[in-house]
Amino acid sequence: MSYVETISIRVRPKLTSVSPPLPMLTTKKPRRSTPKVRSGCSTCKARRIKCDETTPECLRCVRTGRTCGGYTGPATARPSPAGSITTYSIPFKVPGSQVDRQLLHFYCSEAAERLAGFSDPTLWTQLILQRCHHQPVIRSALVGLSSLYLDHISDASNLPPVSLQCRSKSIEIISKCHRQLTAHLRSPGASVEVALICGLIFYTFECLLGDTKQATWHLDQGLRLLQGTLVENPTRFASLDGMSDQLMAIFARLDVQASIFDSDRFPGLRLLPPEDMASCSSALVPDFFVDSSHAENVLTRLQNITMHHIINYLDLKRCSWDQLPISVKSERLAIVSSFQTFQFATAELLARIDQHQRPRQHVLLLQIQAELFHGILVEDNTLPPSMRDIGGAIDSHLEAALTQISAILDMARTERESPLSGSGFMLSTQLIASLYYICMKAQNRETRQLAVSLLLHSGVPEREGLWDAKTAAFVVESLIVNHDPGSSEGDRAEARLEDLGRGIVDCGGLDDAFRLLQIAKQGERVT
């Protein structure tokens, strides 16, 4: 069944708003005298309601479709719950209502950069915007994405809760986008590019709503379409005017993220043919990176190769090094060598970046991911003893990763322009996944406790694609409470949570582990 046939059955039902009850007749009470509030936008002042004072337009006005009248003082002095918002002019000729144009303005000035996180934002800030001027379905999808993102940061910023009517409106916009895409894909001029862009935006919709199953479905449909196009018509895909490389990069990153999130999921893309695996060390990782985006694309490719290698030879996991076929040995040694080269190349890149530049945080994040992926191979028994971490040696890698994460959060605290400053949602920095992995793998209780505390750190995004920081922390803390490793006998060796929680953490995704632990808790309360 194709994306065109299946997307129509995935359309969310249209929600009807509930009419408010008629007000009761009451005796009007005298108004209590309060000091006059002189801050806030002129629109909120005229309406005599409290303004949230977001710049350049307050969220109350944007959410209700009103024109924000601005502030009497300088706009830069007004607080913004999601960080500073830069001015971005939306041409009046853009079709749609005033609310649509305001939401597009919010997308351009706020959401696009934050969705990209530390990655190259060109796809979100330029390429998709260029397409939306000519493709109504992409424009509608961006309006819906901006509406949902606005609701999300309003909740995260402790603003007045988003009303049921606002949420219903966002869901209706999503349903409209699904219908528009279905109609577009059935038309004679259907575009693969439009389908991939909308699939990416729909994936982001569901991540914002917290529906990981639906998000993964949209991602997998996009990956199948992308892989099929690369095989059947690579020339056509490569001619998408700069869009092809950007789409490939982000779908590959999200593919890695989804397979980390759900241990039962096989990566949808294969970025290196099996026959080239053994030679990947010399061809894949250069000795020099131009910038952090170059390093990120290389790491994504290396992560994809590592996942395919581990899954392909999963049945050999209990074999010793001497029992492995020569071809498997060659591949594994090449991948380990590639990670080592990557760490040297990124260290050289860091030496060229100023201490307080945003790319420095990006490179540190890439080093953390490489360290943890490298650790998956190094702790495996199917390596020569000289290349294997035995006992608690893996914890040194985890502690090094935690040190780097702490450094990133310290930088974000002092730099207002950091993507981690005041953001409640990003797509693919892998920060939450890295902390969760450390919690599962660490034998040292202090290392594990520090990782849990960082999961709840104010600088860590609340949601990061499929990953939810509070859900991850709940799973870890529940396993610690249930098993309490290392606390019964003082001389007992500490165990890893991933070993103690087997049957829970390896049952699928993080959400499945969360549900199983919730059921177990409810059962304890009943008994």
Protein backbone atom coordinates (compact mmCIF):
# COMPACT_ATOMS: atom_id res chain seq x y z
CA MET A 1 0.00 0.00 0.00
CA SER A 2 1.48 3.35 -1.05
CA TYR A 3 1.74 6.60 0.89
CA VAL A 4 -1.06 7.99 -1.25
CA GLU A 5 -3.42 5.13 -0.36
CA THR A 6 -2.60 4.89 3.31
CA ILE A 7 -2.41 8.54 4.32
CA SER A 8 -6.13 9.02 3.71
CA ILE A 9 -7.04 6.45 6.37
CA ARG A 10 -4.71 8.15 8.82
CA VAL A 11 -6.51 11.50 8.67
CA ARG A 12 -7.46 12.60 12.16
CA PRO A 13 -11.19 13.07 12.74
CA LYS A 14 -12.38 16.64 12.65
CA LEU A 15 -13.08 17.87 16.15
CA THR A 16 -16.05 20.07 16.74
CA SER A 17 -15.77 22.77 19.33
CA VAL A 18 -18.15 22.68 22.25
CA SER A 19 -20.34 25.74 22.62
CA PRO A 20 -19.87 27.42 25.99
CA PRO A 21 -22.86 27.44 28.34
CA LEU A 22 -24.99 30.56 28.55
CA PRO A 23 -23.85 32.86 31.35
CA MET A 24 -25.99 33.01 34.47
CA LEU A 25 -27.57 36.29 35.49
CA THR A 26 -25.74 37.55 38.55
CA THR A 27 -25.54 40.79 40.45
CA LYS A 28 -22.50 42.76 39.32
CA LYS A 29 -19.94 43.14 42.09
CA PRO A 30 -18.02 46.36 42.56
CA ARG A 31 -14.60 46.24 40.91
CA ARG A 32 -11.66 46.05 43.27
CA SER A 33 -9.13 48.81 42.83
CA THR A 34 -5.79 47.56 41.48
CA PRO A 35 -2.67 49.37 40.27
CA LYS A 36 -2.77 50.11 36.55
CA VAL A 37 -0.49 47.87 34.50
CA ARG A 38 1.48 50.04 32.08
CA SER A 39 3.39 47.25 30.32
CA GLY A 40 2.00 45.02 27.61
CA CYS A 41 0.95 45.55 24.01
CA SER A 42 -1.61 48.18 23.08
CA THR A 43 -4.12 45.52 21.90
CA CYS A 44 -4.13 43.72 25.26
CA LYS A 45 -4.38 47.09 27.04
CA ALA A 46 -7.43 48.00 24.99
CA ARG A 47 -8.97 44.60 25.78
CA ARG A 48 -8.02 45.06 29.46
CA ILE A 49 -6.35 41.65 29.74
CA LYS A 50 -2.90 40.62 30.91
CA CYS A 51 -0.36 40.55 28.08
CA ASP A 52 2.39 37.90 28.04
CA GLU A 53 4.68 40.57 26.49
CA THR A 54 6.27 38.29 23.89
CA THR A 55 8.09 40.14 21.11
CA PRO A 56 7.55 41.13 18.36
CA GLU A 57 3.90 40.03 18.78
CA CYS A 58 2.40 38.72 22.00
CA LEU A 59 1.19 35.12 21.96
CA ARG A 60 -2.30 36.12 23.15
CA CYS A 61 -2.85 38.21 20.02
CA VAL A 62 -1.35 35.61 17.69
CA ARG A 63 -3.41 32.80 19.17
CA THR A 64 -6.68 34.72 18.88
CA GLY A 65 -5.99 36.06 15.40
CA ARG A 66 -5.70 39.72 16.43
CA THR A 67 -3.18 42.27 15.25
CA CYS A 68 -0.70 42.94 18.04
CA GLY A 69 -0.42 46.70 18.46
CA GLY A 70 3.14 46.55 19.77
CA TYR A 71 4.70 48.09 22.86
CA THR A 72 5.40 51.59 24.01
CA GLY A 73 8.95 50.71 25.08
CA PRO A 74 11.73 49.07 23.08
CA ALA A 75 10.74 45.58 21.87
CA THR A 76 14.05 44.07 22.88
CA ALA A 77 13.33 44.84 26.53
CA ARG A 78 10.23 42.63 26.57
CA PRO A 79 10.65 39.08 27.84
CA SER A 80 9.97 36.15 25.53
CA PRO A 81 9.20 32.73 27.00
CA ALA A 82 10.93 31.00 24.11
CA GLY A 83 13.91 33.33 23.75
CA SER A 84 14.40 36.41 21.63
CA ILE A 85 12.41 36.62 18.41
CA THR A 86 13.92 38.31 15.41
CA THR A 87 11.90 40.29 12.88
CA TYR A 88 10.98 38.48 9.69
CA SER A 89 8.76 40.15 7.13
CA ILE A 90 6.03 38.03 5.53
CA PRO A 91 4.82 39.53 2.22
CA PHE A 92 1.15 40.49 2.24
CA LYS A 93 0.72 38.68 -1.08
CA VAL A 94 1.03 35.31 0.70
CA PRO A 95 -2.44 33.72 0.42
CA GLY A 96 -4.47 32.92 3.50
CA SER A 97 -6.09 34.70 6.39
CA GLN A 98 -4.46 37.17 8.73
CA VAL A 99 -4.10 34.39 11.30
CA ASP A 100 -2.27 32.26 8.72
CA ARG A 101 0.17 35.08 7.98
CA GLN A 102 0.77 35.67 11.68
CA LEU A 103 1.48 31.98 12.21
CA LEU A 104 3.85 31.97 9.24
CA HIS A 105 5.57 35.00 10.75
CA PHE A 106 5.96 33.12 14.03
CA TYR A 107 7.35 30.11 12.15
CA CYS A 108 9.95 32.27 10.37
CA SER A 109 11.01 34.27 13.41
CA GLU A 110 10.94 31.56 16.06
CA ALA A 111 10.03 27.96 15.20
CA ALA A 112 12.24 27.31 12.15
CA GLU A 113 15.57 27.92 13.89
CA ARG A 114 14.59 26.00 17.00
CA LEU A 115 13.36 22.97 15.04
CA ALA A 116 16.80 22.74 13.42
CA GLY A 117 18.53 22.90 16.80
CA PHE A 118 22.29 22.82 16.23
CA SER A 119 22.02 21.40 12.70
CA ASP A 120 22.16 23.43 9.50
CA PRO A 121 18.82 25.35 9.50
CA THR A 122 18.76 25.95 5.71
CA LEU A 123 16.03 23.37 5.11
CA TRP A 124 13.63 24.96 7.62
CA THR A 125 14.53 28.63 7.23
CA GLN A 126 14.94 28.83 3.45
CA LEU A 127 14.16 25.84 1.25
CA ILE A 128 10.79 24.82 2.72
CA LEU A 129 9.73 28.47 2.89
CA GLN A 130 10.57 28.95 -0.80
CA ARG A 131 8.41 25.95 -1.72
CA CYS A 132 5.48 27.11 0.43
CA HIS A 133 5.00 30.19 -1.79
CA HIS A 134 4.10 27.93 -4.73
CA GLN A 135 2.63 24.85 -3.00
CA PRO A 136 -0.56 25.46 -0.95
CA VAL A 137 -0.25 22.06 0.77
CA ILE A 138 3.22 22.96 2.15
CA ARG A 139 1.96 26.40 3.20
CA SER A 140 -0.97 24.86 5.08
CA ALA A 141 1.35 22.35 6.71
CA LEU A 142 3.65 25.14 7.93
CA VAL A 143 0.68 27.04 9.35
CA GLY A 144 -0.41 23.91 11.23
CA LEU A 145 3.13 23.25 12.45
CA SER A 146 3.47 26.83 13.69
CA SER A 147 0.12 26.59 15.51
CA LEU A 148 1.11 23.37 17.28
CA TYR A 149 4.57 24.67 18.11
CA LEU A 150 3.06 27.84 19.53
CA ASP A 151 0.75 25.77 21.74
CA HIS A 152 3.72 23.69 22.90
CA ILE A 153 5.94 26.58 23.97
CA SER A 154 2.96 28.32 25.59
CA ASP A 155 2.51 25.29 27.84
CA ALA A 156 6.27 25.03 28.46
CA SER A 157 6.49 28.74 29.36
CA ASN A 158 3.75 28.52 32.01
CA LEU A 159 1.50 30.87 30.05
CA PRO A 160 -2.27 30.50 30.47
CA PRO A 161 -3.20 26.96 29.35
CA VAL A 162 -4.12 26.51 25.71
CA SER A 163 -7.87 26.19 25.41
CA LEU A 164 -9.64 23.14 23.99
CA GLN A 165 -10.83 25.33 21.15
CA CYS A 166 -7.23 26.25 20.20
CA ARG A 167 -6.12 22.60 20.30
CA SER A 168 -9.16 21.58 18.24
CA LYS A 169 -8.26 24.22 15.68
CA SER A 170 -4.71 22.86 15.42
CA ILE A 171 -6.03 19.32 14.89
CA GLU A 172 -8.44 20.58 12.23
CA ILE A 173 -5.52 22.26 10.43
CA ILE A 174 -3.60 18.93 10.48
CA SER A 175 -6.62 17.07 9.06
CA LYS A 176 -6.89 19.66 6.30
CA CYS A 177 -3.20 19.20 5.47
CA HIS A 178 -3.65 15.42 5.21
CA ARG A 179 -6.55 15.87 2.82
CA GLN A 180 -4.61 18.39 0.72
CA LEU A 181 -1.61 16.07 0.44
CA THR A 182 -3.82 13.13 -0.52
CA ALA A 183 -5.38 15.23 -3.29
CA HIS A 184 -1.94 16.45 -4.45
CA LEU A 185 -0.47 12.95 -4.64
CA ARG A 186 -3.42 11.77 -6.75
CA SER A 187 -3.01 14.63 -9.24
CA PRO A 188 -1.05 14.21 -12.52
CA GLY A 189 1.70 16.61 -11.40
CA ALA A 190 2.36 14.90 -8.05
CA SER A 191 5.81 15.77 -6.67
CA VAL A 192 8.09 13.50 -4.65
CA GLU A 193 9.59 16.62 -3.10
CA VAL A 194 6.21 17.85 -1.81
CA ALA A 195 5.41 14.41 -0.39
CA LEU A 196 8.75 14.24 1.46
CA ILE A 197 8.44 17.77 2.86
CA CYS A 198 4.88 17.15 4.06
CA GLY A 199 5.86 13.77 5.49
CA LEU A 200 8.60 15.49 7.49
CA ILE A 201 6.18 18.16 8.75
CA PHE A 202 3.56 15.51 9.63
CA TYR A 203 6.23 13.63 11.58
CA THR A 204 6.91 16.83 13.52
CA PHE A 205 3.15 17.31 14.11
CA GLU A 206 2.90 13.93 15.83
CA CYS A 207 6.08 14.43 17.85
CA LEU A 208 4.66 17.69 19.21
CA LEU A 209 1.42 15.87 20.08
CA GLY A 210 3.39 13.04 21.74
CA ASP A 211 2.08 10.31 19.42
CA THR A 212 5.29 8.38 18.73
CA LYS A 213 3.60 5.51 16.87
CA GLN A 214 1.94 7.86 14.38
CA ALA A 215 5.15 9.90 14.06
CA THR A 216 7.18 6.78 13.28
CA TRP A 217 4.58 5.74 10.71
CA HIS A 218 4.96 9.04 8.84
CA LEU A 219 8.76 8.77 9.07
CA ASP A 220 8.75 5.22 7.69
CA GLN A 221 6.48 6.23 4.79
CA GLY A 222 8.86 9.08 3.93
CA LEU A 223 11.89 6.77 4.19
CA ARG A 224 10.30 4.22 1.84
CA LEU A 225 9.51 6.94 -0.66
CA LEU A 226 13.04 8.36 -0.35
CA GLN A 227 14.74 4.97 -0.69
CA GLY A 228 12.54 4.04 -3.64
CA THR A 229 13.30 7.31 -5.43
CA LEU A 230 17.04 6.87 -4.88
CA VAL A 231 16.88 3.41 -6.48
CA GLU A 232 14.42 4.10 -9.32
CA ASN A 233 15.21 7.69 -10.29
CA PRO A 234 18.36 9.01 -8.56
CA THR A 235 18.94 11.67 -11.24
CA ARG A 236 15.53 13.22 -10.65
CA PHE A 237 16.05 13.29 -6.90
CA ALA A 238 19.50 14.85 -7.23
CA SER A 239 18.06 17.69 -9.35
CA LEU A 240 15.92 19.18 -6.57
CA ASP A 241 17.92 22.42 -6.40
CA GLY A 242 19.74 21.89 -3.08
CA MET A 243 16.74 20.24 -1.44
CA SER A 244 17.86 16.62 -2.05
CA ASP A 245 20.95 16.77 0.21
CA GLN A 246 19.02 18.53 2.99
CA LEU A 247 16.13 16.04 2.88
CA MET A 248 18.50 13.09 2.81
CA ALA A 249 20.42 14.46 5.80
CA ILE A 250 17.41 15.07 8.04
CA PHE A 251 15.62 11.83 7.15
CA ALA A 252 18.84 9.91 7.85
CA ARG A 253 19.20 11.59 11.27
CA LEU A 254 15.58 10.92 12.19
CA ASP A 255 15.96 7.31 10.99
CA VAL A 256 18.87 6.85 13.43
CA GLN A 257 16.88 8.50 16.22
CA ALA A 258 13.86 6.24 15.66
CA SER A 259 16.00 3.08 15.76
CA ILE A 260 17.63 4.24 19.00
CA PHE A 261 14.19 4.97 20.43
CA ASP A 262 12.76 1.56 19.48
CA SER A 263 15.28 -1.27 19.77
CA ASP A 264 13.06 -3.52 17.61
CA ARG A 265 13.09 -1.12 14.66
CA PHE A 266 15.36 -1.72 11.68
CA PRO A 267 16.80 1.44 10.01
CA GLY A 268 14.80 2.37 6.91
CA LEU A 269 17.78 3.70 4.93
CA ARG A 270 20.95 1.89 3.92
CA LEU A 271 23.59 4.55 3.32
CA LEU A 272 26.40 2.18 2.35
CA PRO A 273 26.12 -1.02 0.28
CA PRO A 274 27.09 -4.21 2.19
CA GLU A 275 30.01 -4.88 -0.16
CA ASP A 276 31.59 -1.52 0.80
CA MET A 277 31.34 -1.98 4.58
CA ALA A 278 34.86 -3.33 5.11
CA SER A 279 36.46 -0.34 3.36
CA CYS A 280 34.38 2.34 5.11
CA SER A 281 37.22 3.49 7.39
CA SER A 282 39.29 4.94 4.56
CA ALA A 283 36.39 6.24 2.44
CA LEU A 284 33.89 7.46 5.02
CA VAL A 285 35.64 9.52 7.71
CA PRO A 286 38.12 12.18 6.55
CA ASP A 287 41.00 13.44 8.66
CA PHE A 288 39.66 17.00 8.41
CA PHE A 289 36.14 18.46 8.78
CA VAL A 290 35.18 21.73 7.09
CA ASP A 291 32.58 22.60 9.74
CA SER A 292 30.14 21.03 12.22
CA SER A 293 27.56 20.25 9.49
CA HIS A 294 30.17 18.27 7.57
CA ALA A 295 30.99 16.32 10.74
CA GLU A 296 27.30 15.69 11.47
CA ASN A 297 26.63 14.22 8.02
CA VAL A 298 29.62 11.89 8.35
CA LEU A 299 28.54 10.78 11.83
CA THR A 300 24.97 10.07 10.67
CA ARG A 301 26.34 7.85 7.93
CA LEU A 302 28.62 6.08 10.40
CA GLN A 303 25.74 5.54 12.86
CA ASN A 304 23.60 4.07 10.07
CA ILE A 305 26.39 1.67 9.09
CA THR A 306 26.92 0.64 12.73
CA MET A 307 23.23 -0.14 13.22
CA HIS A 308 23.04 -2.26 10.08
CA HIS A 309 26.19 -4.12 11.09
CA ILE A 310 24.95 -4.89 14.61
CA ILE A 311 21.50 -6.02 13.41
CA ASN A 312 22.88 -8.11 10.53
CA TYR A 313 25.14 -10.09 12.87
CA LEU A 314 22.99 -10.12 16.00
CA ASP A 315 23.04 -13.93 16.07
CA LEU A 316 26.83 -13.80 16.46
CA LYS A 317 26.72 -11.65 19.59
CA ARG A 318 27.63 -14.54 21.92
CA CYS A 319 30.49 -15.73 19.72
CA SER A 320 34.10 -15.09 20.65
CA TRP A 321 36.41 -13.11 18.39
CA ASP A 322 38.06 -16.28 17.06
CA GLN A 323 34.66 -17.72 16.07
CA LEU A 324 33.67 -14.80 13.85
CA PRO A 325 33.92 -15.04 10.06
CA ILE A 326 36.76 -13.01 8.53
CA SER A 327 34.31 -10.72 6.69
CA VAL A 328 32.56 -9.79 9.95
CA LYS A 329 35.90 -9.13 11.65
CA SER A 330 36.96 -6.84 8.82
CA GLU A 331 33.74 -4.83 8.97
CA ARG A 332 33.83 -4.45 12.74
CA LEU A 333 37.45 -3.36 12.86
CA ALA A 334 36.79 -0.87 10.05
CA ILE A 335 33.85 0.68 11.94
CA VAL A 336 35.81 0.91 15.21
CA SER A 337 38.67 2.55 13.32
CA SER A 338 36.20 5.00 11.74
CA PHE A 339 34.94 6.12 15.15
CA GLN A 340 38.50 6.66 16.33
CA THR A 341 39.26 8.75 13.24
CA PHE A 342 36.05 10.71 13.82
CA GLN A 343 37.06 11.61 17.38
CA PHE A 344 40.50 12.84 16.24
CA ALA A 345 38.97 14.89 13.40
CA THR A 346 36.36 16.54 15.64
CA ALA A 347 39.02 17.33 18.27
CA GLU A 348 40.95 19.17 15.55
CA LEU A 349 37.74 20.97 14.52
CA LEU A 350 37.10 22.07 18.12
CA ALA A 351 40.59 23.56 18.26
CA ARG A 352 39.61 25.85 15.36
CA ILE A 353 36.32 27.05 16.91
CA ASP A 354 36.16 29.92 19.40
CA GLN A 355 35.17 29.03 22.96
CA HIS A 356 31.74 30.71 22.91
CA GLN A 357 30.55 29.90 19.41
CA ARG A 358 27.36 27.92 18.83
CA PRO A 359 29.12 25.37 16.52
CA ARG A 360 31.28 24.36 19.49
CA GLN A 361 28.21 23.01 21.31
CA HIS A 362 27.22 21.19 18.11
CA VAL A 363 30.62 19.48 17.82
CA LEU A 364 30.50 18.45 21.49
CA LEU A 365 27.09 16.85 20.90
CA LEU A 366 28.51 14.95 17.92
CA GLN A 367 31.45 13.74 20.01
CA ILE A 368 29.02 12.48 22.67
CA GLN A 369 27.02 10.51 20.10
CA ALA A 370 30.18 9.05 18.58
CA GLU A 371 31.50 8.08 22.02
CA LEU A 372 28.31 6.24 22.91
CA PHE A 373 28.00 4.46 19.55
CA HIS A 374 31.64 3.50 19.78
CA GLY A 375 30.92 2.11 23.23
CA ILE A 376 28.28 -0.24 21.83
CA LEU A 377 31.00 -1.98 19.83
CA VAL A 378 33.83 -1.71 22.35
CA GLU A 379 31.91 -3.38 25.17
CA ASP A 380 30.96 -6.28 22.90
CA ASN A 381 32.71 -9.61 23.41
CA THR A 382 33.13 -9.97 19.65
CA LEU A 383 36.27 -7.82 19.52
CA PRO A 384 39.93 -8.66 20.11
CA PRO A 385 40.84 -8.40 23.82
CA SER A 386 43.15 -5.48 23.04
CA MET A 387 40.18 -3.43 21.73
CA ARG A 388 37.60 -4.50 24.31
CA ASP A 389 36.46 -2.65 27.41
CA ILE A 390 36.28 -5.10 30.29
CA GLY A 391 34.45 -4.61 33.60
CA GLY A 392 33.84 -1.00 34.49
CA ALA A 393 36.01 0.51 31.76
CA ILE A 394 32.91 1.47 29.76
CA ASP A 395 31.95 3.83 32.60
CA SER A 396 34.94 6.02 31.78
CA HIS A 397 33.40 6.64 28.36
CA LEU A 398 30.03 7.41 29.95
CA GLU A 399 31.59 9.79 32.46
CA ALA A 400 33.43 11.59 29.65
CA ALA A 401 30.12 11.98 27.79
CA LEU A 402 28.45 13.36 30.92
CA THR A 403 31.24 15.89 31.35
CA GLN A 404 30.68 17.09 27.80
CA ILE A 405 26.89 17.30 28.31
CA SER A 406 27.43 19.39 31.45
CA ALA A 407 29.73 21.68 29.46
CA ILE A 408 27.08 22.12 26.75
CA LEU A 409 24.40 23.02 29.32
CA ASP A 410 26.77 25.49 31.00
CA MET A 411 27.37 27.18 27.64
CA ALA A 412 23.63 27.33 26.97
CA ARG A 413 23.04 29.02 30.32
CA THR A 414 25.36 31.91 29.44
CA GLU A 415 24.46 32.24 25.74
CA ARG A 416 20.97 33.48 24.89
CA GLU A 417 21.39 32.46 21.24
CA SER A 418 21.95 28.79 22.10
CA PRO A 419 19.18 26.48 20.80
CA LEU A 420 18.98 25.06 24.33
CA SER A 421 18.04 28.44 25.82
CA GLY A 422 14.34 28.35 26.62
CA SER A 423 13.36 25.77 24.00
CA GLY A 424 10.79 23.11 24.82
CA PHE A 425 11.11 21.15 21.56
CA MET A 426 13.77 20.27 18.98
CA LEU A 427 14.05 17.48 16.45
CA SER A 428 17.36 15.64 16.53
CA THR A 429 20.18 16.70 18.87
CA GLN A 430 20.05 13.23 20.54
CA LEU A 431 20.68 14.84 23.94
CA ILE A 432 17.82 13.03 25.72
CA ALA A 433 18.69 9.73 24.02
CA SER A 434 22.34 10.06 25.11
CA LEU A 435 21.42 10.68 28.76
CA TYR A 436 18.96 7.77 28.74
CA TYR A 437 21.61 5.48 27.22
CA ILE A 438 24.09 6.49 29.94
CA CYS A 439 21.49 5.73 32.64
CA MET A 440 20.90 2.26 31.17
CA LYS A 441 24.58 1.38 30.66
CA ALA A 442 26.27 2.88 33.73
CA GLN A 443 27.40 0.51 36.47
CA ASN A 444 28.47 3.36 38.71
CA ARG A 445 25.55 4.73 40.75
CA GLU A 446 26.98 8.28 40.87
CA THR A 447 27.24 8.36 37.08
CA ARG A 448 23.66 7.13 36.76
CA GLN A 449 22.31 9.63 39.29
CA LEU A 450 24.04 12.54 37.55
CA ALA A 451 22.57 11.45 34.20
CA VAL A 452 19.05 11.31 35.70
CA SER A 453 19.44 14.78 37.18
CA LEU A 454 20.57 16.14 33.79
CA LEU A 455 17.50 14.61 32.14
CA LEU A 456 15.43 16.97 34.26
CA HIS A 457 17.80 19.94 33.76
CA SER A 458 16.08 23.12 32.60
CA GLY A 459 18.43 23.38 29.62
CA VAL A 460 17.46 19.97 28.21
CA PRO A 461 14.52 20.15 25.76
CA GLU A 462 11.26 18.77 27.13
CA ARG A 463 10.75 16.89 23.89
CA GLU A 464 13.28 16.01 21.23
CA GLY A 465 11.61 14.33 18.31
CA LEU A 466 10.29 11.02 19.64
CA TRP A 467 12.05 11.41 22.97
CA ASP A 468 10.40 12.94 26.05
CA ALA A 469 12.76 13.87 28.89
CA LYS A 470 10.25 13.35 31.73
CA THR A 471 9.19 9.95 30.37
CA ALA A 472 12.83 8.86 30.11
CA ALA A 473 13.51 10.02 33.68
CA PHE A 474 10.40 8.19 34.94
CA VAL A 475 11.53 4.90 33.35
CA VAL A 476 15.02 5.20 34.84
CA GLU A 477 13.82 6.20 38.31
CA SER A 478 11.22 3.40 38.35
CA LEU A 479 13.86 0.79 37.50
CA ILE A 480 16.14 2.17 40.21
CA VAL A 481 13.35 2.01 42.80
CA ASN A 482 12.25 -1.49 41.75
CA HIS A 483 15.71 -3.03 41.65
CA ASP A 484 17.89 -0.61 43.67
CA PRO A 485 21.12 -2.10 42.32
CA GLY A 486 24.07 -2.18 44.67
CA SER A 487 22.21 -1.19 47.82
CA SER A 488 21.53 -4.54 49.54
CA GLU A 489 25.05 -5.85 50.07
CA GLY A 490 28.02 -3.53 50.27
CA ASP A 491 30.37 -5.91 48.47
CA ARG A 492 27.96 -6.75 45.65
CA ALA A 493 28.99 -5.56 42.18
CA GLU A 494 26.63 -2.99 40.78
CA ALA A 495 24.51 -4.00 37.82
CA ARG A 496 23.29 -2.09 34.79
CA LEU A 497 19.68 -1.04 34.56
CA GLU A 498 19.40 -2.47 31.04
CA ASP A 499 20.23 -5.93 32.47
CA LEU A 500 17.97 -5.61 35.50
CA GLY A 501 15.09 -4.23 33.44
CA ARG A 502 15.09 -6.83 30.67
CA GLY A 503 11.59 -7.47 29.44
CA ILE A 504 10.80 -3.79 29.96
CA VAL A 505 13.49 -1.67 28.31
CA ASP A 506 13.95 -4.12 25.41
CA CYS A 507 10.24 -4.51 24.69
CA GLY A 508 10.20 -1.80 22.03
CA GLY A 509 10.19 1.96 22.41
CA LEU A 510 10.46 4.17 25.45
CA ASP A 511 6.68 4.60 25.52
CA ASP A 512 6.19 0.83 25.80
CA ALA A 513 8.58 0.69 28.76
CA PHE A 514 6.70 3.60 30.33
CA ARG A 515 3.33 1.82 29.95
CA LEU A 516 4.66 -1.46 31.41
CA LEU A 517 6.07 0.35 34.44
CA GLN A 518 2.80 2.25 34.89
CA ILE A 519 0.86 -1.03 34.82
CA ALA A 520 3.28 -2.55 37.35
CA LYS A 521 2.83 0.46 39.65
CA GLN A 522 -0.95 0.24 39.47
CA GLY A 523 -0.76 -3.47 40.25
CA GLU A 524 1.32 -2.75 43.36
CA ARG A 525 -1.27 -0.22 44.54
CA VAL A 526 -4.11 -2.72 44.06
CA THR A 527 -2.32 -5.47 45.99
